[in-house]
């Protein structure tokens, strides 16, 4: 295995509580977001969405943005920042 890198990515996401749900968005990838009834569900769905999106980008040879550092992301009051990690091998063949 000649030095091949694993398709592993880490992006920060913002978790925003809403009236009856939690909304998660990735500042670096505008089209990637999720919503869930609980914070845990929303982050899990966001992880799946990110994994499927990045896997699609790899398959289509679309440029994947560089993840921002934690200090570069503005966190407004009421939201929280989470780091989402995915291995795109787990998402091959899934549509974003």
Protein backbone atom coordinates (compact mmCIF):
# COMPACT_ATOMS: atom_id res chain seq x y z
CA UNK A 1 0.00 0.00 0.00
CA UNK A 2 2.16 2.80 -1.33
CA UNK A 3 1.47 5.65 1.10
CA UNK A 4 -2.18 6.11 0.18
CA UNK A 5 -4.02 8.47 2.49
CA UNK A 6 -7.26 7.44 4.12
CA UNK A 7 -10.19 9.61 3.06
CA UNK A 8 -10.56 11.19 6.49
CA UNK A 9 -11.87 14.72 7.00
CA UNK A 10 -12.60 17.04 9.93
CA UNK A 11 -14.84 20.09 9.62
CA UNK A 12 -16.34 22.36 12.24
CA UNK A 13 -20.09 22.76 12.38
CA UNK A 14 -22.32 25.23 14.17
CA UNK A 15 -25.23 23.84 16.19
CA UNK A 16 -28.15 26.21 16.60
CA UNK A 17 -31.08 25.39 18.88
CA UNK A 18 -34.46 26.20 17.37
CA UNK A 19 -37.96 26.05 18.82
CA UNK A 20 -38.51 22.31 18.33
CA UNK A 21 -35.22 21.17 16.81
CA UNK A 22 -31.50 21.70 16.38
CA UNK A 23 -30.01 22.98 13.13
CA UNK A 24 -26.42 22.15 12.15
CA UNK A 25 -24.51 23.91 9.39
CA UNK A 26 -20.95 23.78 8.11
CA UNK A 27 -19.49 27.27 7.58
CA UNK A 28 -17.03 25.91 5.00
CA UNK A 29 -19.65 24.03 2.96
CA UNK A 30 -22.78 26.11 2.48
CA UNK A 31 -24.84 23.30 0.89
CA UNK A 32 -24.21 20.90 3.77
CA UNK A 33 -26.58 21.09 6.75
CA UNK A 34 -28.92 18.98 8.86
CA UNK A 35 -31.70 19.25 11.40
CA UNK A 36 -32.80 16.92 14.19
CA UNK A 37 -35.18 16.83 17.14
CA UNK A 38 -32.28 16.48 19.57
CA UNK A 39 -28.76 17.89 19.47
CA UNK A 40 -27.32 14.37 19.17
CA UNK A 41 -29.65 13.47 16.30
CA UNK A 42 -28.84 16.70 14.46
CA UNK A 43 -25.08 16.20 14.77
CA UNK A 44 -25.36 12.55 13.69
CA UNK A 45 -27.41 13.55 10.63
CA UNK A 46 -24.89 16.31 9.88
CA UNK A 47 -22.07 13.76 10.01
CA UNK A 48 -23.92 11.55 7.52
CA UNK A 49 -24.66 14.51 5.26
CA UNK A 50 -21.03 15.66 5.35
CA UNK A 51 -19.74 12.15 4.65
CA UNK A 52 -22.05 11.63 1.67
CA UNK A 53 -21.26 15.10 0.30
CA UNK A 54 -17.48 14.68 0.57
CA UNK A 55 -17.64 11.18 -0.92
CA UNK A 56 -19.60 12.58 -3.86
CA UNK A 57 -16.99 15.34 -4.29
CA UNK A 58 -14.22 12.72 -4.34
CA UNK A 59 -16.07 10.62 -6.92
CA UNK A 60 -16.74 13.63 -9.14
CA UNK A 61 -13.26 15.05 -8.55
CA UNK A 62 -14.83 18.25 -7.26
CA UNK A 63 -12.66 20.50 -5.14
CA UNK A 64 -13.16 20.07 -1.40
CA UNK A 65 -12.62 23.26 0.59
CA UNK A 66 -9.93 23.48 3.23
CA UNK A 67 -11.50 23.27 6.69
CA UNK A 68 -11.36 26.47 8.71
CA UNK A 69 -9.56 26.43 12.02
CA UNK A 70 -11.63 26.71 15.17
CA UNK A 71 -10.40 30.26 15.78
CA UNK A 72 -11.55 31.40 12.32
CA UNK A 73 -15.21 30.52 12.90
CA UNK A 74 -17.53 33.08 14.45
CA UNK A 75 -19.77 31.50 17.07
CA UNK A 76 -22.73 33.71 17.88
CA UNK A 77 -24.49 33.61 21.23
CA UNK A 78 -26.78 30.61 21.58
CA UNK A 79 -24.91 28.44 19.10
CA UNK A 80 -22.13 25.95 19.77
CA UNK A 81 -19.24 24.64 17.72
CA UNK A 82 -18.62 20.92 17.19
CA UNK A 83 -15.97 19.11 15.23
CA UNK A 84 -17.36 16.52 12.82
CA UNK A 85 -15.08 13.77 11.56
CA UNK A 86 -15.84 11.43 8.68
CA UNK A 87 -14.13 8.69 6.71
CA UNK A 88 -15.60 8.88 3.21
CA UNK A 89 -15.01 5.17 2.55
CA UNK A 90 -18.12 4.60 4.69
CA UNK A 91 -20.22 6.74 2.34
CA UNK A 92 -19.25 5.45 -1.10
CA UNK A 93 -22.28 5.04 -3.33
CA UNK A 94 -24.58 7.21 -1.22
CA UNK A 95 -26.15 10.34 -2.64
CA UNK A 96 -25.68 13.58 -0.69
